[in-house]
C-alpha atoms as a PDB file:
ATOM      1  CA  MET A   1     -33.021-223.848-104.923  1.00  0.00           C
ATOM      2  CA  THR A   2     -33.619-225.399-108.338  1.00  0.00           C
ATOM      3  CA  GLU A   3     -37.006-225.820-109.992  1.00  0.00           C
ATOM      4  CA  HIS A   4     -37.267-229.534-109.179  1.00  0.00           C
ATOM      5  CA  ASP A   5     -36.837-228.759-105.463  1.00  0.00           C
ATOM      6  CA  ARG A   6     -40.228-227.042-105.456  1.00  0.00           C
ATOM      7  CA  THR A   7     -42.087-230.055-106.827  1.00  0.00           C
ATOM      8  CA  ALA A   8     -43.688-232.996-105.021  1.00  0.00           C
ATOM      9  CA  PRO A   9     -41.422-235.735-103.664  1.00  0.00           C
ATOM     10  CA  GLY A  10     -40.543-238.305-106.312  1.00  0.00           C
ATOM     11  CA  THR A  11     -41.189-236.012-109.273  1.00  0.00           C
ATOM     12  CA  PRO A  12     -38.945-237.081-112.176  1.00  0.00           C
ATOM     13  CA  ILE A  13     -36.186-234.732-113.251  1.00  0.00           C
ATOM     14  CA  PRO A  14     -36.629-234.569-117.046  1.00  0.00           C
ATOM     15  CA  VAL A  15     -33.302-235.516-118.592  1.00  0.00           C
ATOM     16  CA  ALA A  16     -33.864-237.487-121.792  1.00  0.00           C
ATOM     17  CA  THR A  17     -30.559-239.354-121.736  1.00  0.00           C
ATOM     18  CA  LEU A  18     -30.768-240.144-117.998  1.00  0.00           C
ATOM     19  CA  PRO A  19     -34.166-241.745-117.311  1.00  0.00           C
ATOM     20  CA  ASN A  20     -35.391-242.651-113.838  1.00  0.00           C
ATOM     21  CA  LEU A  21     -33.610-239.608-112.407  1.00  0.00           C
ATOM     22  CA  ARG A  22     -35.228-238.241-109.274  1.00  0.00           C
ATOM     23  CA  SER A  23     -34.333-236.764-105.911  1.00  0.00           C
ATOM     24  CA  LEU A  24     -35.089-238.389-102.577  1.00  0.00           C
ATOM     25  CA  ALA A  25     -35.868-234.950-101.186  1.00  0.00           C
ATOM     26  CA  GLY A  26     -39.147-234.216 -99.484  1.00  0.00           C
ATOM     27  CA  TRP A  27     -40.134-237.653 -98.249  1.00  0.00           C
ATOM     28  CA  ARG A  28     -41.269-237.168 -94.660  1.00  0.00           C
ATOM     29  CA  ALA A  29     -40.019-239.212 -91.702  1.00  0.00           C
ATOM     30  CA  ALA A  30     -42.181-240.273 -88.774  1.00  0.00           C
ATOM     31  CA  ASP A  31     -40.643-237.533 -86.586  1.00  0.00           C
ATOM     32  CA  GLY A  32     -41.950-234.833 -88.939  1.00  0.00           C
ATOM     33  CA  ARG A  33     -38.641-234.022 -90.589  1.00  0.00           C
ATOM     34  CA  ALA A  34     -38.158-234.483 -94.325  1.00  0.00           C
ATOM     35  CA  VAL A  35     -35.279-235.570 -96.545  1.00  0.00           C
ATOM     36  CA  ARG A  36     -33.161-232.516 -97.257  1.00  0.00           C
ATOM     37  CA  GLU A  37     -33.170-230.894-100.690  1.00  0.00           C
ATOM     38  CA  GLY A  38     -30.190-231.305-102.972  1.00  0.00           C
ATOM     39  CA  VAL A  39     -28.354-234.130-101.207  1.00  0.00           C
ATOM     40  CA  LEU A  40     -29.494-237.449-102.738  1.00  0.00           C
ATOM     41  CA  PHE A  41     -30.381-238.381-106.305  1.00  0.00           C
ATOM     42  CA  ARG A  42     -30.941-241.755-107.998  1.00  0.00           C
ATOM     43  CA  SER A  43     -30.848-242.700-111.690  1.00  0.00           C
ATOM     44  CA  THR A  44     -29.880-245.181-114.377  1.00  0.00           C
ATOM     45  CA  ASP A  45     -26.242-245.368-115.460  1.00  0.00           C
ATOM     46  CA  LEU A  46     -24.690-242.228-116.932  1.00  0.00           C
ATOM     47  CA  SER A  47     -23.378-243.821-120.126  1.00  0.00           C
ATOM     48  CA  ARG A  48     -25.822-242.080-122.480  1.00  0.00           C
ATOM     49  CA  LEU A  49     -25.566-238.534-121.130  1.00  0.00           C
ATOM     50  CA  THR A  50     -25.070-235.929-123.834  1.00  0.00           C
ATOM     51  CA  GLY A  51     -23.768-232.361-123.696  1.00  0.00           C
ATOM     52  CA  THR A  52     -26.838-230.362-122.742  1.00  0.00           C
ATOM     53  CA  ASP A  53     -28.196-233.112-120.489  1.00  0.00           C
ATOM     54  CA  THR A  54     -24.810-233.428-118.810  1.00  0.00           C
ATOM     55  CA  ALA A  55     -24.928-229.734-118.015  1.00  0.00           C
ATOM     56  CA  VAL A  56     -28.398-230.145-116.458  1.00  0.00           C
ATOM     57  CA  VAL A  57     -27.188-232.958-114.211  1.00  0.00           C
ATOM     58  CA  GLU A  58     -24.044-231.053-113.257  1.00  0.00           C
ATOM     59  CA  GLY A  59     -26.347-228.188-112.311  1.00  0.00           C
ATOM     60  CA  LEU A  60     -27.774-230.366-109.527  1.00  0.00           C
ATOM     61  CA  GLY A  61     -24.500-229.886-107.644  1.00  0.00           C
ATOM     62  CA  ILE A  62     -23.415-233.538-107.736  1.00  0.00           C
ATOM     63  CA  ARG A  63     -20.123-234.005-105.895  1.00  0.00           C
ATOM     64  CA  THR A  64     -20.105-237.806-105.642  1.00  0.00           C
ATOM     65  CA  VAL A  65     -21.339-240.441-108.092  1.00  0.00           C
ATOM     66  CA  VAL A  66     -21.750-243.912-106.565  1.00  0.00           C
ATOM     67  CA  ASP A  67     -21.767-246.671-109.204  1.00  0.00           C
ATOM     68  CA  LEU A  68     -23.256-249.931-107.905  1.00  0.00           C
ATOM     69  CA  ARG A  69     -22.662-251.968-111.078  1.00  0.00           C
ATOM     70  CA  THR A  70     -20.480-254.981-111.807  1.00  0.00           C
ATOM     71  CA  ALA A  71     -17.141-254.603-113.594  1.00  0.00           C
ATOM     72  CA  PRO A  72     -18.497-255.983-116.926  1.00  0.00           C
ATOM     73  CA  GLU A  73     -21.378-253.512-116.799  1.00  0.00           C
ATOM     74  CA  ARG A  74     -19.022-250.605-116.183  1.00  0.00           C
ATOM     75  CA  GLU A  75     -16.709-251.715-118.984  1.00  0.00           C
ATOM     76  CA  ARG A  76     -19.563-252.170-121.446  1.00  0.00           C
ATOM     77  CA  ARG A  77     -21.215-248.830-120.676  1.00  0.00           C
ATOM     78  CA  PRO A  78     -18.843-246.485-118.820  1.00  0.00           C
ATOM     79  CA  ASP A  79     -20.352-243.461-117.115  1.00  0.00           C
ATOM     80  CA  VAL A  80     -19.952-240.013-118.565  1.00  0.00           C
ATOM     81  CA  ARG A  81     -17.944-238.180-115.926  1.00  0.00           C
ATOM     82  CA  LEU A  82     -19.538-235.176-114.257  1.00  0.00           C
ATOM     83  CA  ASP A  83     -17.394-232.092-113.812  1.00  0.00           C
ATOM     84  CA  GLY A  84     -16.457-231.637-110.169  1.00  0.00           C
ATOM     85  CA  ALA A  85     -17.753-235.053-109.064  1.00  0.00           C
ATOM     86  CA  ASP A  86     -15.764-237.917-107.553  1.00  0.00           C
ATOM     87  CA  GLU A  87     -16.645-241.465-108.619  1.00  0.00           C
ATOM     88  CA  VAL A  88     -17.045-244.273-106.067  1.00  0.00           C
ATOM     89  CA  VAL A  89     -17.375-247.826-107.430  1.00  0.00           C
ATOM     90  CA  LEU A  90     -19.203-250.324-105.202  1.00  0.00           C
ATOM     91  CA  ASP A  91     -19.916-253.683-106.871  1.00  0.00           C
ATOM     92  CA  VAL A  92     -22.962-254.912-104.970  1.00  0.00           C
ATOM     93  CA  LEU A  93     -23.176-258.212-106.873  1.00  0.00           C
ATOM     94  CA  ALA A  94     -19.490-259.094-107.018  1.00  0.00           C
ATOM     95  CA  ASP A  95     -20.130-262.292-105.037  1.00  0.00           C
ATOM     96  CA  ALA A  96     -23.204-263.391-107.010  1.00  0.00           C
ATOM     97  CA  VAL A  97     -22.821-266.567-109.044  1.00  0.00           C
ATOM     98  CA  GLN A  98     -25.655-265.455-111.304  1.00  0.00           C
ATOM     99  CA  ALA A  99     -26.672-261.793-111.158  1.00  0.00           C
ATOM    100  CA  ALA A 100     -30.242-261.461-112.431  1.00  0.00           C
ATOM    101  CA  PRO A 101     -30.476-257.651-112.390  1.00  0.00           C
ATOM    102  CA  THR A 102     -27.424-257.016-114.587  1.00  0.00           C
ATOM    103  CA  ASP A 103     -27.033-256.838-118.360  1.00  0.00           C
ATOM    104  CA  MET A 104     -29.862-258.100-120.584  1.00  0.00           C
ATOM    105  CA  ALA A 105     -28.411-256.988-123.925  1.00  0.00           C
ATOM    106  CA  GLU A 106     -27.792-260.457-125.369  1.00  0.00           C
ATOM    107  CA  ILE A 107     -31.115-261.873-124.200  1.00  0.00           C
ATOM    108  CA  LEU A 108     -33.003-258.951-125.726  1.00  0.00           C
ATOM    109  CA  GLU A 109     -31.563-259.856-129.143  1.00  0.00           C
ATOM    110  CA  ASP A 110     -32.603-263.505-128.915  1.00  0.00           C
ATOM    111  CA  PRO A 111     -36.326-264.136-128.245  1.00  0.00           C
ATOM    112  CA  GLY A 112     -35.774-267.886-128.146  1.00  0.00           C
ATOM    113  CA  ARG A 113     -33.182-267.603-125.417  1.00  0.00           C
ATOM    114  CA  ALA A 114     -35.377-265.079-123.618  1.00  0.00           C
ATOM    115  CA  ARG A 115     -38.240-267.553-123.660  1.00  0.00           C
ATOM    116  CA  ASP A 116     -35.993-270.314-122.304  1.00  0.00           C
ATOM    117  CA  LEU A 117     -34.654-268.137-119.491  1.00  0.00           C
ATOM    118  CA  LEU A 118     -37.630-265.966-118.544  1.00  0.00           C
ATOM    119  CA  SER A 119     -40.828-267.938-119.134  1.00  0.00           C
ATOM    120  CA  ASP A 120     -42.807-270.063-116.639  1.00  0.00           C
ATOM    121  CA  GLY A 121     -41.981-267.811-113.702  1.00  0.00           C
ATOM    122  CA  GLN A 122     -38.213-268.069-114.132  1.00  0.00           C
ATOM    123  CA  ALA A 123     -37.731-264.293-114.320  1.00  0.00           C
ATOM    124  CA  ARG A 124     -39.744-263.768-111.143  1.00  0.00           C
ATOM    125  CA  ALA A 125     -37.808-266.480-109.304  1.00  0.00           C
ATOM    126  CA  ALA A 126     -34.473-265.034-110.416  1.00  0.00           C
ATOM    127  CA  PHE A 127     -35.392-261.583-109.180  1.00  0.00           C
ATOM    128  CA  LEU A 128     -36.711-262.823-105.855  1.00  0.00           C
ATOM    129  CA  GLN A 129     -33.360-264.533-105.330  1.00  0.00           C
ATOM    130  CA  ALA A 130     -31.532-261.394-106.430  1.00  0.00           C
ATOM    131  CA  TYR A 131     -33.413-259.332-103.846  1.00  0.00           C
ATOM    132  CA  GLU A 132     -32.385-261.814-101.159  1.00  0.00           C
ATOM    133  CA  HIS A 133     -28.797-261.329-102.319  1.00  0.00           C
ATOM    134  CA  LEU A 134     -29.074-257.556-101.894  1.00  0.00           C
ATOM    135  CA  VAL A 135     -29.263-258.226 -98.163  1.00  0.00           C
ATOM    136  CA  THR A 136     -27.182-261.371 -97.719  1.00  0.00           C
ATOM    137  CA  LEU A 137     -24.225-261.299-100.136  1.00  0.00           C
ATOM    138  CA  PRO A 138     -20.956-260.231 -98.490  1.00  0.00           C
ATOM    139  CA  SER A 139     -20.283-257.944-101.462  1.00  0.00           C
ATOM    140  CA  ALA A 140     -23.721-256.344-101.041  1.00  0.00           C
ATOM    141  CA  ARG A 141     -23.243-255.765 -97.329  1.00  0.00           C
ATOM    142  CA  ALA A 142     -19.762-254.332 -97.898  1.00  0.00           C
ATOM    143  CA  SER A 143     -20.954-252.122-100.767  1.00  0.00           C
ATOM    144  CA  TYR A 144     -24.003-250.720 -99.014  1.00  0.00           C
ATOM    145  CA  GLY A 145     -21.978-250.184 -95.856  1.00  0.00           C
ATOM    146  CA  ALA A 146     -19.429-248.214 -97.865  1.00  0.00           C
ATOM    147  CA  PHE A 147     -22.255-246.273 -99.528  1.00  0.00           C
ATOM    148  CA  PHE A 148     -23.559-245.081 -96.175  1.00  0.00           C
ATOM    149  CA  ARG A 149     -20.101-244.202 -94.935  1.00  0.00           C
ATOM    150  CA  VAL A 150     -19.652-242.091 -98.076  1.00  0.00           C
ATOM    151  CA  LEU A 151     -22.947-240.340 -97.336  1.00  0.00           C
ATOM    152  CA  ALA A 152     -22.046-239.741 -93.702  1.00  0.00           C
ATOM    153  CA  ALA A 153     -18.644-238.268 -94.524  1.00  0.00           C
ATOM    154  CA  GLY A 154     -19.524-236.397 -97.696  1.00  0.00           C
ATOM    155  CA  SER A 155     -20.535-232.897 -98.568  1.00  0.00           C
ATOM    156  CA  GLY A 156     -22.594-231.734-101.500  1.00  0.00           C
ATOM    157  CA  ALA A 157     -24.979-233.942-103.419  1.00  0.00           C
ATOM    158  CA  THR A 158     -24.598-237.663-104.109  1.00  0.00           C
ATOM    159  CA  LEU A 159     -26.017-239.445-107.168  1.00  0.00           C
ATOM    160  CA  PHE A 160     -26.215-243.234-106.904  1.00  0.00           C
ATOM    161  CA  HIS A 161     -27.090-245.651-109.687  1.00  0.00           C
ATOM    162  CA  CYS A 162     -26.764-249.123-111.161  1.00  0.00           C
ATOM    163  CA  THR A 163     -27.686-249.947-114.775  1.00  0.00           C
ATOM    164  CA  THR A 164     -31.418-249.294-114.884  1.00  0.00           C
ATOM    165  CA  GLY A 165     -31.602-247.643-111.471  1.00  0.00           C
ATOM    166  CA  LYS A 166     -34.243-249.976-110.093  1.00  0.00           C
ATOM    167  CA  ASP A 167     -32.915-252.978-108.113  1.00  0.00           C
ATOM    168  CA  ARG A 168     -29.536-252.279-106.515  1.00  0.00           C
ATOM    169  CA  THR A 169     -30.388-248.590-106.626  1.00  0.00           C
ATOM    170  CA  GLY A 170     -33.894-249.330-105.384  1.00  0.00           C
ATOM    171  CA  TRP A 171     -32.598-251.104-102.282  1.00  0.00           C
ATOM    172  CA  ALA A 172     -30.100-248.306-101.620  1.00  0.00           C
ATOM    173  CA  ALA A 173     -32.948-245.785-101.736  1.00  0.00           C
ATOM    174  CA  ALA A 174     -35.318-247.943 -99.691  1.00  0.00           C
ATOM    175  CA  SER A 175     -32.810-248.679 -96.941  1.00  0.00           C
ATOM    176  CA  THR A 176     -31.822-244.997 -96.806  1.00  0.00           C
ATOM    177  CA  LEU A 177     -35.420-243.912 -96.341  1.00  0.00           C
ATOM    178  CA  MET A 178     -36.082-246.607 -93.736  1.00  0.00           C
ATOM    179  CA  LEU A 179     -33.026-245.533 -91.755  1.00  0.00           C
ATOM    180  CA  LEU A 180     -34.372-241.981 -91.811  1.00  0.00           C
ATOM    181  CA  GLY A 181     -37.709-243.138 -90.431  1.00  0.00           C
ATOM    182  CA  VAL A 182     -39.837-242.801 -93.558  1.00  0.00           C
ATOM    183  CA  PRO A 183     -42.886-245.094 -93.217  1.00  0.00           C
ATOM    184  CA  GLU A 184     -42.653-248.372 -95.090  1.00  0.00           C
ATOM    185  CA  GLU A 185     -45.688-247.703 -97.290  1.00  0.00           C
ATOM    186  CA  VAL A 186     -44.034-244.481 -98.458  1.00  0.00           C
ATOM    187  CA  VAL A 187     -40.775-246.327 -99.087  1.00  0.00           C
ATOM    188  CA  GLU A 188     -42.643-248.812-101.268  1.00  0.00           C
ATOM    189  CA  HIS A 189     -44.366-245.969-103.124  1.00  0.00           C
ATOM    190  CA  GLU A 190     -41.019-244.326-103.891  1.00  0.00           C
ATOM    191  CA  TYR A 191     -39.625-247.674-105.053  1.00  0.00           C
ATOM    192  CA  LEU A 192     -42.553-248.314-107.421  1.00  0.00           C
ATOM    193  CA  LEU A 193     -42.183-244.893-109.069  1.00  0.00           C
ATOM    194  CA  THR A 194     -39.588-246.599-111.257  1.00  0.00           C
ATOM    195  CA  ASN A 195     -42.402-248.288-113.189  1.00  0.00           C
ATOM    196  CA  ASP A 196     -43.750-244.854-114.147  1.00  0.00           C
ATOM    197  CA  GLN A 197     -40.393-243.215-114.757  1.00  0.00           C
ATOM    198  CA  LEU A 198     -38.335-245.980-116.391  1.00  0.00           C
ATOM    199  CA  LEU A 199     -40.661-248.238-118.373  1.00  0.00           C
ATOM    200  CA  PRO A 200     -41.800-245.498-120.807  1.00  0.00           C
ATOM    201  CA  ALA A 201     -38.141-244.854-121.651  1.00  0.00           C
ATOM    202  CA  LEU A 202     -37.717-248.565-122.340  1.00  0.00           C
ATOM    203  CA  GLN A 203     -40.634-248.796-124.787  1.00  0.00           C
ATOM    204  CA  PRO A 204     -38.224-248.860-127.762  1.00  0.00           C
ATOM    205  CA  VAL A 205     -36.580-251.912-126.173  1.00  0.00           C
ATOM    206  CA  LEU A 206     -39.958-253.651-125.898  1.00  0.00           C
ATOM    207  CA  ASP A 207     -40.844-252.696-129.462  1.00  0.00           C
ATOM    208  CA  HIS A 208     -37.530-253.979-130.802  1.00  0.00           C
ATOM    209  CA  PHE A 209     -37.948-257.264-128.940  1.00  0.00           C
ATOM    210  CA  ALA A 210     -41.432-257.636-130.426  1.00  0.00           C
ATOM    211  CA  SER A 211     -40.060-256.914-133.911  1.00  0.00           C
ATOM    212  CA  LEU A 212     -37.752-259.917-133.478  1.00  0.00           C
ATOM    213  CA  GLY A 213     -40.722-262.127-132.676  1.00  0.00           C
ATOM    214  CA  GLY A 214     -40.445-261.957-128.891  1.00  0.00           C
ATOM    215  CA  ASP A 215     -43.249-261.526-126.358  1.00  0.00           C
ATOM    216  CA  PRO A 216     -42.741-258.174-124.564  1.00  0.00           C
ATOM    217  CA  ASP A 217     -44.698-259.453-121.548  1.00  0.00           C
ATOM    218  CA  LEU A 218     -41.746-261.748-120.821  1.00  0.00           C
ATOM    219  CA  LEU A 219     -39.614-258.668-120.175  1.00  0.00           C
ATOM    220  CA  LEU A 220     -41.882-256.823-117.758  1.00  0.00           C
ATOM    221  CA  PRO A 221     -40.740-258.739-114.612  1.00  0.00           C
ATOM    222  CA  VAL A 222     -37.165-257.909-115.645  1.00  0.00           C
ATOM    223  CA  LEU A 223     -37.462-254.294-116.761  1.00  0.00           C
ATOM    224  CA  GLY A 224     -39.874-253.124-114.058  1.00  0.00           C
ATOM    225  CA  VAL A 225     -40.169-253.471-110.289  1.00  0.00           C
ATOM    226  CA  ARG A 226     -42.779-255.268-108.198  1.00  0.00           C
ATOM    227  CA  PRO A 227     -43.883-254.928-104.578  1.00  0.00           C
ATOM    228  CA  GLU A 228     -42.938-258.553-103.942  1.00  0.00           C
ATOM    229  CA  TYR A 229     -39.324-257.863-104.930  1.00  0.00           C
ATOM    230  CA  LEU A 230     -38.875-255.183-102.273  1.00  0.00           C
ATOM    231  CA  ALA A 231     -40.906-257.273 -99.803  1.00  0.00           C
ATOM    232  CA  THR A 232     -38.404-260.099-100.265  1.00  0.00           C
ATOM    233  CA  SER A 233     -35.459-257.919 -99.225  1.00  0.00           C
ATOM    234  CA  LEU A 234     -37.423-256.579 -96.261  1.00  0.00           C
ATOM    235  CA  ALA A 235     -38.377-260.081 -95.124  1.00  0.00           C
ATOM    236  CA  VAL A 236     -34.781-261.323 -95.355  1.00  0.00           C
ATOM    237  CA  MET A 237     -33.542-258.241 -93.487  1.00  0.00           C
ATOM    238  CA  ARG A 238     -36.036-258.783 -90.652  1.00  0.00           C
ATOM    239  CA  ARG A 239     -35.462-262.532 -90.502  1.00  0.00           C
ATOM    240  CA  THR A 240     -31.689-262.041 -90.315  1.00  0.00           C
ATOM    241  CA  TYR A 241     -31.353-258.841 -88.282  1.00  0.00           C
ATOM    242  CA  GLY A 242     -34.715-258.110 -86.694  1.00  0.00           C
ATOM    243  CA  ASP A 243     -34.967-254.416 -87.568  1.00  0.00           C
ATOM    244  CA  VAL A 244     -33.455-251.666 -89.682  1.00  0.00           C
ATOM    245  CA  ALA A 245     -31.090-250.330 -87.021  1.00  0.00           C
ATOM    246  CA  THR A 246     -29.611-253.790 -86.411  1.00  0.00           C
ATOM    247  CA  TYR A 247     -29.282-254.407 -90.155  1.00  0.00           C
ATOM    248  CA  PHE A 248     -27.260-251.222 -90.432  1.00  0.00           C
ATOM    249  CA  ALA A 249     -25.170-252.005 -87.355  1.00  0.00           C
ATOM    250  CA  ASP A 250     -24.508-255.723 -87.783  1.00  0.00           C
ATOM    251  CA  GLY A 251     -25.037-256.179 -91.507  1.00  0.00           C
ATOM    252  CA  LEU A 252     -23.489-253.008 -92.888  1.00  0.00           C
ATOM    253  CA  GLY A 253     -21.123-251.986 -90.086  1.00  0.00           C
ATOM    254  CA  ILE A 254     -22.835-248.616 -89.570  1.00  0.00           C
ATOM    255  CA  ASP A 255     -22.846-247.991 -85.817  1.00  0.00           C
ATOM    256  CA  ALA A 256     -25.473-246.034 -83.890  1.00  0.00           C
ATOM    257  CA  ALA A 257     -23.430-242.826 -83.912  1.00  0.00           C
ATOM    258  CA  THR A 258     -23.017-242.935 -87.683  1.00  0.00           C
ATOM    259  CA  GLN A 259     -26.701-243.735 -88.123  1.00  0.00           C
ATOM    260  CA  ALA A 260     -27.540-240.648 -86.065  1.00  0.00           C
ATOM    261  CA  ALA A 261     -25.080-238.572 -88.106  1.00  0.00           C
ATOM    262  CA  LEU A 262     -26.757-239.726 -91.313  1.00  0.00           C
ATOM    263  CA  ARG A 263     -30.155-238.641 -90.000  1.00  0.00           C
ATOM    264  CA  GLU A 264     -28.799-235.233 -89.054  1.00  0.00           C
ATOM    265  CA  ARG A 265     -27.161-234.751 -92.443  1.00  0.00           C
ATOM    266  CA  LEU A 266     -30.043-236.015 -94.559  1.00  0.00           C
ATOM    267  CA  LEU A 267     -33.092-234.727 -92.664  1.00  0.00           C
ATOM    268  CA  VAL A 268     -34.345-231.192 -92.149  1.00  0.00           C
ATOM    269  CA  ASP A 269     -37.198-229.706 -90.141  1.00  0.00           C
ATOM    270  CA  ARG A 270     -40.265-228.813 -92.186  1.00  0.00           C
END
């Protein structure tokens, strides 16, 4: 058992070059069981990992890295490979005409363009649509279905991520916890931890944008997460499928037997 396993659920794992890194361990399901230690981790992309930090992450026992990013994102910032870990690429937004949660690099260098694209509620609207797409896009359903099949068949720990580890990764974490029977208010709490664990690491980005004459408040709906974002995905899931089990079965192709196998693998008596 590593040191982080003895901390409260959701506690950040302090790796400077991999912000928003935390385990899903410890969150308790309605049946009294809890998410098993050392099996599921979430983070930002692994492109900035350095030597000593890489060793820390490898020490978590990661055997599978699931990359939920688009091809341009992966090409622009390829992951540092972890020793002993297989890489699984699942492009959640491959079918999106306009993918709001992906790369912001060019916008961050151009405050005028940022104002044109993000002001007057445009950022909020784009992200609400993106969170609908996390449930409805064929590429999202195929990718998340493959993610859960990887979890069901795998051994050792899995680390899953997108670019900032908040939207595509956030829905992966939320749907995992809901499948396991973690109450929805706890799922939302885990999701919102990203604001505490990611935004401080992005302060240099906000400062740089301000130095160019931009308004950092424009970026907050883009760089953080909001309850209404997750609520949008949940509402679309319920409107389309009725409940979590049916979403997994009909939306993701994860049948009842595989759902049960996931619960047995990922939950432990406490």
